[in-house]
Amino acid sequence: MKDLANAQSKVSISFDGWTLPAQRGYVAICAHFINSKGLQKVILLAVRRLRGRHTSENYASIVGDVLAEYGLDTAEQTR
């Protein structure tokens, strides 16, 4: 995650959820940024089990936890 720590841009986040045929839900969270060499990067931060319904509250809880793990949980990062 050295590239992420040295990002030369703000970090954008994307996520997607899906359900397997066995009725198990998952969500994947990715980070998009420009690295120290000026290259666009996309990295997978996490794939987590989504328990319960696919509601905005459930997604927000999971995505928020992952962002906190990477120190990306504030709207404005200081440099």
N, C-alpha and C. Protein backbone atom coordinates (compact mmCIF):
# COMPACT_ATOMS: atom_id res chain seq x y z
N MET A 1 0.80 -1.19 0.00
CA MET A 1 0.00 0.00 0.00
C MET A 1 0.85 1.27 0.00
N LYS A 2 2.12 1.09 -0.32
CA LYS A 2 3.03 2.23 -0.38
C LYS A 2 2.54 3.26 -1.38
N ASP A 3 2.03 2.80 -2.54
CA ASP A 3 1.51 3.72 -3.54
C ASP A 3 0.39 4.57 -2.97
N LEU A 4 -0.50 3.98 -2.22
CA LEU A 4 -1.63 4.71 -1.65
C LEU A 4 -1.15 5.75 -0.64
N ALA A 5 -0.19 5.39 0.17
CA ALA A 5 0.34 6.33 1.16
C ALA A 5 1.03 7.52 0.51
N ASN A 6 1.56 7.33 -0.70
CA ASN A 6 2.28 8.40 -1.40
C ASN A 6 1.48 8.97 -2.56
N ALA A 7 0.16 8.84 -2.52
CA ALA A 7 -0.70 9.33 -3.61
C ALA A 7 -0.46 10.81 -3.85
N GLN A 8 -0.39 11.19 -5.12
CA GLN A 8 -0.19 12.58 -5.51
C GLN A 8 -1.51 13.27 -5.84
N SER A 9 -2.60 12.61 -5.58
CA SER A 9 -3.92 13.16 -5.84
C SER A 9 -4.82 12.79 -4.67
N LYS A 10 -6.03 13.34 -4.70
CA LYS A 10 -7.02 12.87 -3.74
C LYS A 10 -7.37 11.44 -4.12
N VAL A 11 -7.83 10.68 -3.16
CA VAL A 11 -8.19 9.28 -3.38
C VAL A 11 -9.70 9.19 -3.56
N SER A 12 -10.11 8.61 -4.68
CA SER A 12 -11.53 8.37 -4.93
C SER A 12 -11.84 6.91 -4.60
N ILE A 13 -13.05 6.68 -4.14
CA ILE A 13 -13.46 5.35 -3.72
C ILE A 13 -14.62 4.88 -4.58
N SER A 14 -14.58 3.60 -4.96
CA SER A 14 -15.72 2.97 -5.61
C SER A 14 -16.01 1.66 -4.90
N PHE A 15 -17.26 1.24 -4.96
CA PHE A 15 -17.61 -0.05 -4.36
C PHE A 15 -18.76 -0.67 -5.13
N ASP A 16 -18.87 -1.98 -5.02
CA ASP A 16 -19.93 -2.70 -5.70
C ASP A 16 -20.34 -3.87 -4.83
N GLY A 17 -21.62 -4.16 -4.82
CA GLY A 17 -22.12 -5.28 -4.05
C GLY A 17 -22.79 -6.30 -4.95
N TRP A 18 -22.78 -7.54 -4.51
CA TRP A 18 -23.44 -8.60 -5.27
C TRP A 18 -23.82 -9.72 -4.31
N THR A 19 -24.70 -10.59 -4.78
CA THR A 19 -25.14 -11.74 -4.01
C THR A 19 -24.85 -13.01 -4.79
N LEU A 20 -24.23 -13.98 -4.14
CA LEU A 20 -23.98 -15.27 -4.75
C LEU A 20 -25.26 -16.09 -4.77
N PRO A 21 -25.32 -17.11 -5.62
CA PRO A 21 -26.52 -17.96 -5.65
C PRO A 21 -26.88 -18.55 -4.28
N ALA A 22 -25.91 -18.72 -3.42
CA ALA A 22 -26.16 -19.26 -2.08
C ALA A 22 -26.70 -18.18 -1.13
N GLN A 23 -27.11 -17.03 -1.69
CA GLN A 23 -27.69 -15.93 -0.92
C GLN A 23 -26.71 -15.27 0.05
N ARG A 24 -25.44 -15.29 -0.29
CA ARG A 24 -24.44 -14.59 0.50
C ARG A 24 -24.07 -13.30 -0.22
N GLY A 25 -24.17 -12.17 0.48
CA GLY A 25 -23.85 -10.88 -0.11
C GLY A 25 -22.42 -10.46 0.18
N TYR A 26 -21.82 -9.76 -0.77
CA TYR A 26 -20.46 -9.25 -0.62
C TYR A 26 -20.38 -7.84 -1.16
N VAL A 27 -19.38 -7.09 -0.69
CA VAL A 27 -19.09 -5.77 -1.22
C VAL A 27 -17.58 -5.65 -1.39
N ALA A 28 -17.17 -5.11 -2.56
CA ALA A 28 -15.75 -4.87 -2.84
C ALA A 28 -15.53 -3.36 -2.85
N ILE A 29 -14.42 -2.91 -2.24
CA ILE A 29 -14.11 -1.49 -2.15
C ILE A 29 -12.75 -1.26 -2.80
N CYS A 30 -12.70 -0.29 -3.74
CA CYS A 30 -11.47 0.03 -4.47
C CYS A 30 -11.09 1.49 -4.25
N ALA A 31 -9.80 1.78 -4.33
CA ALA A 31 -9.28 3.14 -4.27
C ALA A 31 -8.68 3.49 -5.63
N HIS A 32 -8.93 4.71 -6.09
CA HIS A 32 -8.43 5.22 -7.38
C HIS A 32 -7.62 6.48 -7.08
N PHE A 33 -6.41 6.57 -7.63
CA PHE A 33 -5.55 7.72 -7.34
C PHE A 33 -4.40 7.79 -8.33
N ILE A 34 -3.64 8.86 -8.27
CA ILE A 34 -2.42 9.04 -9.05
C ILE A 34 -1.24 8.78 -8.11
N ASN A 35 -0.35 7.87 -8.53
CA ASN A 35 0.77 7.54 -7.64
C ASN A 35 1.92 8.54 -7.80
N SER A 36 3.01 8.30 -7.08
CA SER A 36 4.14 9.23 -7.06
C SER A 36 4.85 9.33 -8.41
N LYS A 37 4.60 8.38 -9.32
CA LYS A 37 5.19 8.43 -10.66
C LYS A 37 4.24 9.05 -11.67
N GLY A 38 3.09 9.53 -11.20
CA GLY A 38 2.12 10.15 -12.09
C GLY A 38 1.23 9.17 -12.83
N LEU A 39 1.21 7.92 -12.38
CA LEU A 39 0.40 6.90 -13.04
C LEU A 39 -0.92 6.69 -12.30
N GLN A 40 -1.98 6.50 -13.08
CA GLN A 40 -3.28 6.20 -12.49
C GLN A 40 -3.27 4.79 -11.92
N LYS A 41 -3.70 4.65 -10.69
CA LYS A 41 -3.72 3.35 -10.03
C LYS A 41 -5.11 3.05 -9.49
N VAL A 42 -5.46 1.78 -9.49
CA VAL A 42 -6.68 1.28 -8.86
C VAL A 42 -6.27 0.08 -8.03
N ILE A 43 -6.58 0.12 -6.75
CA ILE A 43 -6.25 -1.01 -5.89
C ILE A 43 -7.50 -1.48 -5.14
N LEU A 44 -7.57 -2.77 -4.94
CA LEU A 44 -8.65 -3.36 -4.17
C LEU A 44 -8.30 -3.24 -2.69
N LEU A 45 -9.13 -2.51 -1.95
CA LEU A 45 -8.90 -2.36 -0.52
C LEU A 45 -9.44 -3.54 0.27
N ALA A 46 -10.61 -4.03 -0.12
CA ALA A 46 -11.22 -5.11 0.65
C ALA A 46 -12.40 -5.72 -0.09
N VAL A 47 -12.67 -6.97 0.24
CA VAL A 47 -13.92 -7.64 -0.13
C VAL A 47 -14.49 -8.13 1.20
N ARG A 48 -15.66 -7.65 1.53
CA ARG A 48 -16.27 -7.98 2.82
C ARG A 48 -17.64 -8.61 2.64
N ARG A 49 -18.00 -9.45 3.56
CA ARG A 49 -19.33 -10.07 3.58
C ARG A 49 -20.35 -9.01 3.95
N LEU A 50 -21.44 -8.94 3.22
CA LEU A 50 -22.54 -8.03 3.50
C LEU A 50 -23.67 -8.84 4.12
N ARG A 51 -23.85 -8.68 5.40
CA ARG A 51 -24.88 -9.43 6.11
C ARG A 51 -26.17 -8.61 6.14
N GLY A 52 -27.27 -9.28 5.92
CA GLY A 52 -28.54 -8.58 5.92
C GLY A 52 -28.86 -8.00 4.55
N ARG A 53 -29.75 -7.04 4.54
CA ARG A 53 -30.21 -6.44 3.29
C ARG A 53 -29.17 -5.50 2.69
N HIS A 54 -29.28 -5.29 1.39
CA HIS A 54 -28.38 -4.38 0.68
C HIS A 54 -28.89 -2.95 0.81
N THR A 55 -28.82 -2.42 2.02
CA THR A 55 -29.31 -1.06 2.28
C THR A 55 -28.13 -0.09 2.32
N SER A 56 -28.44 1.18 2.17
CA SER A 56 -27.38 2.20 2.22
C SER A 56 -26.69 2.19 3.59
N GLU A 57 -27.44 1.92 4.65
CA GLU A 57 -26.84 1.88 5.98
C GLU A 57 -25.83 0.74 6.11
N ASN A 58 -26.16 -0.43 5.58
CA ASN A 58 -25.24 -1.56 5.64
C ASN A 58 -23.99 -1.31 4.81
N TYR A 59 -24.17 -0.75 3.60
CA TYR A 59 -23.01 -0.41 2.77
C TYR A 59 -22.15 0.64 3.47
N ALA A 60 -22.78 1.68 4.01
CA ALA A 60 -22.03 2.75 4.67
C ALA A 60 -21.21 2.23 5.83
N SER A 61 -21.76 1.31 6.59
CA SER A 61 -21.04 0.74 7.72
C SER A 61 -19.78 0.00 7.27
N ILE A 62 -19.93 -0.84 6.27
CA ILE A 62 -18.79 -1.63 5.78
C ILE A 62 -17.75 -0.73 5.12
N VAL A 63 -18.18 0.14 4.21
CA VAL A 63 -17.24 1.02 3.52
C VAL A 63 -16.55 1.94 4.52
N GLY A 64 -17.29 2.47 5.48
CA GLY A 64 -16.69 3.33 6.50
C GLY A 64 -15.63 2.61 7.31
N ASP A 65 -15.89 1.37 7.68
CA ASP A 65 -14.90 0.59 8.43
C ASP A 65 -13.62 0.39 7.62
N VAL A 66 -13.76 0.05 6.35
CA VAL A 66 -12.59 -0.17 5.50
C VAL A 66 -11.81 1.13 5.32
N LEU A 67 -12.50 2.23 5.08
CA LEU A 67 -11.80 3.52 4.93
C LEU A 67 -11.05 3.88 6.20
N ALA A 68 -11.64 3.61 7.35
CA ALA A 68 -10.96 3.89 8.62
C ALA A 68 -9.69 3.05 8.76
N GLU A 69 -9.74 1.80 8.31
CA GLU A 69 -8.56 0.93 8.39
C GLU A 69 -7.39 1.49 7.60
N TYR A 70 -7.68 2.20 6.50
CA TYR A 70 -6.64 2.77 5.66
C TYR A 70 -6.39 4.25 5.94
N GLY A 71 -7.04 4.81 6.94
CA GLY A 71 -6.86 6.22 7.28
C GLY A 71 -7.49 7.14 6.25
N LEU A 72 -8.51 6.67 5.55
CA LEU A 72 -9.17 7.47 4.52
C LEU A 72 -10.57 7.89 4.95
N ASP A 73 -10.81 7.95 6.23
CA ASP A 73 -12.16 8.18 6.73
C ASP A 73 -12.50 9.63 7.01
N THR A 74 -11.69 10.57 6.57
CA THR A 74 -12.03 11.99 6.73
C THR A 74 -12.25 12.61 5.37
N ALA A 75 -13.14 13.59 5.33
CA ALA A 75 -13.48 14.25 4.05
C ALA A 75 -12.29 15.05 3.54
N GLU A 76 -11.56 15.69 4.40
CA GLU A 76 -10.42 16.50 4.00
C GLU A 76 -9.15 15.95 4.64
N GLN A 77 -8.24 15.51 3.84
CA GLN A 77 -6.95 15.03 4.34
C GLN A 77 -5.95 16.18 4.30
N THR A 78 -5.15 16.31 5.34
CA THR A 78 -4.12 17.34 5.35
C THR A 78 -2.81 16.72 4.90
N ARG A 79 -2.01 17.52 4.26
CA ARG A 79 -0.70 17.03 3.78
C ARG A 79 0.40 17.83 4.42
